C-alpha atoms as a PDB file:
ATOM      1  CA  MET A   1      78.119 191.387 138.665  1.00  0.00           C
ATOM      2  CA  ASP A   2      75.783 191.888 135.664  1.00  0.00           C
ATOM      3  CA  GLU A   3      77.870 195.404 134.214  1.00  0.00           C
ATOM      4  CA  PRO A   4      78.761 196.849 137.237  1.00  0.00           C
ATOM      5  CA  PHE A   5      80.514 200.010 136.106  1.00  0.00           C
ATOM      6  CA  ALA A   6      78.005 201.002 133.000  1.00  0.00           C
ATOM      7  CA  GLY A   7      77.475 204.073 132.888  1.00  0.00           C
ATOM      8  CA  LEU A   8      80.679 205.329 135.307  1.00  0.00           C
ATOM      9  CA  ASP A   9      83.438 207.562 134.351  1.00  0.00           C
ATOM     10  CA  LEU A  10      87.176 205.565 133.678  1.00  0.00           C
ATOM     11  CA  PHE A  11      88.874 206.996 136.265  1.00  0.00           C
ATOM     12  CA  LEU A  12      85.868 205.530 138.860  1.00  0.00           C
ATOM     13  CA  THR A  13      85.620 202.266 136.624  1.00  0.00           C
ATOM     14  CA  GLU A  14      89.672 201.817 136.949  1.00  0.00           C
ATOM     15  CA  GLU A  15      89.400 202.087 140.624  1.00  0.00           C
ATOM     16  CA  LEU A  16      86.404 199.861 141.498  1.00  0.00           C
ATOM     17  CA  GLU A  17      88.055 197.234 139.065  1.00  0.00           C
ATOM     18  CA  GLU A  18      91.227 197.588 141.512  1.00  0.00           C
ATOM     19  CA  LEU A  19      88.971 197.019 144.007  1.00  0.00           C
ATOM     20  CA  ILE A  20      87.515 194.096 143.084  1.00  0.00           C
ATOM     21  CA  VAL A  21      90.726 192.490 141.965  1.00  0.00           C
ATOM     22  CA  ARG A  22      92.348 193.157 145.366  1.00  0.00           C
ATOM     23  CA  LEU A  23      88.925 191.964 147.044  1.00  0.00           C
ATOM     24  CA  LYS A  24      89.314 188.785 144.954  1.00  0.00           C
ATOM     25  CA  LYS A  25      92.814 187.781 146.116  1.00  0.00           C
ATOM     26  CA  THR A  26      92.173 189.251 149.881  1.00  0.00           C
ATOM     27  CA  LEU A  27      89.033 186.734 150.354  1.00  0.00           C
ATOM     28  CA  GLY A  28      90.325 184.227 147.599  1.00  0.00           C
ATOM     29  CA  MET A  29      86.713 184.193 145.724  1.00  0.00           C
ATOM     30  CA  GLY A  30      85.985 183.499 142.622  1.00  0.00           C
ATOM     31  CA  ILE A  31      83.587 186.532 140.729  1.00  0.00           C
ATOM     32  CA  LEU A  32      81.411 185.978 137.879  1.00  0.00           C
ATOM     33  CA  TYR A  33      81.493 189.588 136.040  1.00  0.00           C
ATOM     34  CA  VAL A  34      79.624 189.828 132.713  1.00  0.00           C
ATOM     35  CA  THR A  35      80.439 192.418 130.793  1.00  0.00           C
ATOM     36  CA  HIS A  36      80.417 193.756 127.018  1.00  0.00           C
ATOM     37  CA  SER A  37      83.512 195.402 127.492  1.00  0.00           C
ATOM     38  CA  PRO A  38      86.958 193.178 126.438  1.00  0.00           C
ATOM     39  CA  ARG A  39      88.768 195.887 128.076  1.00  0.00           C
ATOM     40  CA  ASP A  40      87.070 195.261 131.263  1.00  0.00           C
ATOM     41  CA  ALA A  41      87.297 191.587 131.380  1.00  0.00           C
ATOM     42  CA  LEU A  42      90.584 191.416 130.720  1.00  0.00           C
ATOM     43  CA  ARG A  43      91.771 193.543 133.606  1.00  0.00           C
ATOM     44  CA  ILE A  44      89.537 191.710 135.919  1.00  0.00           C
ATOM     45  CA  ALA A  45      89.634 188.303 134.997  1.00  0.00           C
ATOM     46  CA  ASP A  46      91.746 185.369 135.564  1.00  0.00           C
ATOM     47  CA  ARG A  47      89.623 183.325 133.396  1.00  0.00           C
ATOM     48  CA  VAL A  48      87.710 184.650 130.349  1.00  0.00           C
ATOM     49  CA  ALA A  49      84.697 183.551 128.746  1.00  0.00           C
ATOM     50  CA  LEU A  50      83.513 184.186 125.539  1.00  0.00           C
ATOM     51  CA  MET A  51      80.004 183.935 124.349  1.00  0.00           C
ATOM     52  CA  ARG A  52      78.213 184.201 120.867  1.00  0.00           C
ATOM     53  CA  GLU A  53      74.167 183.774 120.918  1.00  0.00           C
ATOM     54  CA  GLY A  54      73.886 182.054 124.367  1.00  0.00           C
ATOM     55  CA  ARG A  55      76.689 180.037 124.106  1.00  0.00           C
ATOM     56  CA  ILE A  56      80.139 180.031 125.096  1.00  0.00           C
ATOM     57  CA  VAL A  57      82.692 180.039 122.362  1.00  0.00           C
ATOM     58  CA  ARG A  58      85.598 180.150 123.745  1.00  0.00           C
ATOM     59  CA  THR A  59      87.168 179.795 127.795  1.00  0.00           C
ATOM     60  CA  ASP A  60      90.474 180.377 128.683  1.00  0.00           C
ATOM     61  CA  THR A  61      92.783 182.686 131.116  1.00  0.00           C
ATOM     62  CA  ARG A  62      93.092 185.822 129.909  1.00  0.00           C
ATOM     63  CA  GLU A  63      96.481 185.470 128.574  1.00  0.00           C
ATOM     64  CA  GLY A  64      95.647 182.105 126.741  1.00  0.00           C
ATOM     65  CA  ILE A  65      92.574 184.252 124.602  1.00  0.00           C
ATOM     66  CA  MET A  66      94.674 187.018 123.582  1.00  0.00           C
ATOM     67  CA  ARG A  67      97.488 184.481 122.336  1.00  0.00           C
ATOM     68  CA  HIS A  68      95.717 181.641 120.765  1.00  0.00           C
ATOM     69  CA  PRO A  69      91.893 183.531 119.771  1.00  0.00           C
ATOM     70  CA  LYS A  70      91.452 180.310 118.075  1.00  0.00           C
ATOM     71  CA  SER A  71      89.026 181.399 116.064  1.00  0.00           C
ATOM     72  CA  GLY A  72      88.122 185.339 113.977  1.00  0.00           C
ATOM     73  CA  PHE A  73      84.921 186.002 116.234  1.00  0.00           C
ATOM     74  CA  VAL A  74      87.054 185.710 119.174  1.00  0.00           C
ATOM     75  CA  CYS A  75      89.302 188.243 117.062  1.00  0.00           C
ATOM     76  CA  ARG A  76      86.855 190.600 116.442  1.00  0.00           C
ATOM     77  CA  MET A  77      85.203 190.445 120.319  1.00  0.00           C
ATOM     78  CA  LEU A  78      89.100 191.291 121.283  1.00  0.00           C
ATOM     79  CA  GLY A  79      90.059 193.817 118.456  1.00  0.00           C
ATOM     80  CA  ILE A  80      92.778 191.503 117.358  1.00  0.00           C
ATOM     81  CA  ARG A  81      93.246 191.738 113.832  1.00  0.00           C
ATOM     82  CA  GLU A  82      94.365 188.643 112.667  1.00  0.00           C
ATOM     83  CA  MET A  83      94.527 185.046 114.249  1.00  0.00           C
ATOM     84  CA  LYS A  84      97.977 184.195 115.617  1.00  0.00           C
ATOM     85  CA  SER A  85      99.488 180.764 114.855  1.00  0.00           C
END
């Protein structure tokens, strides 16, 4: 899915995100979800890959990335003010 909710209102976006999460669990399938929105990625994903200039710079679970961003770039992308040690 490439930016499937671009242009939708927040209410509809949240409903569709919940549907995707339910389908993913029910069907036991993986979904590649491309977005520029950290909020969307962290709500839907089990694992996250952050890219910079076409290269993957960080992959982890959503919890792992939030707890240990490991770089200033990742902090800025996720809106984290400072790196946690």
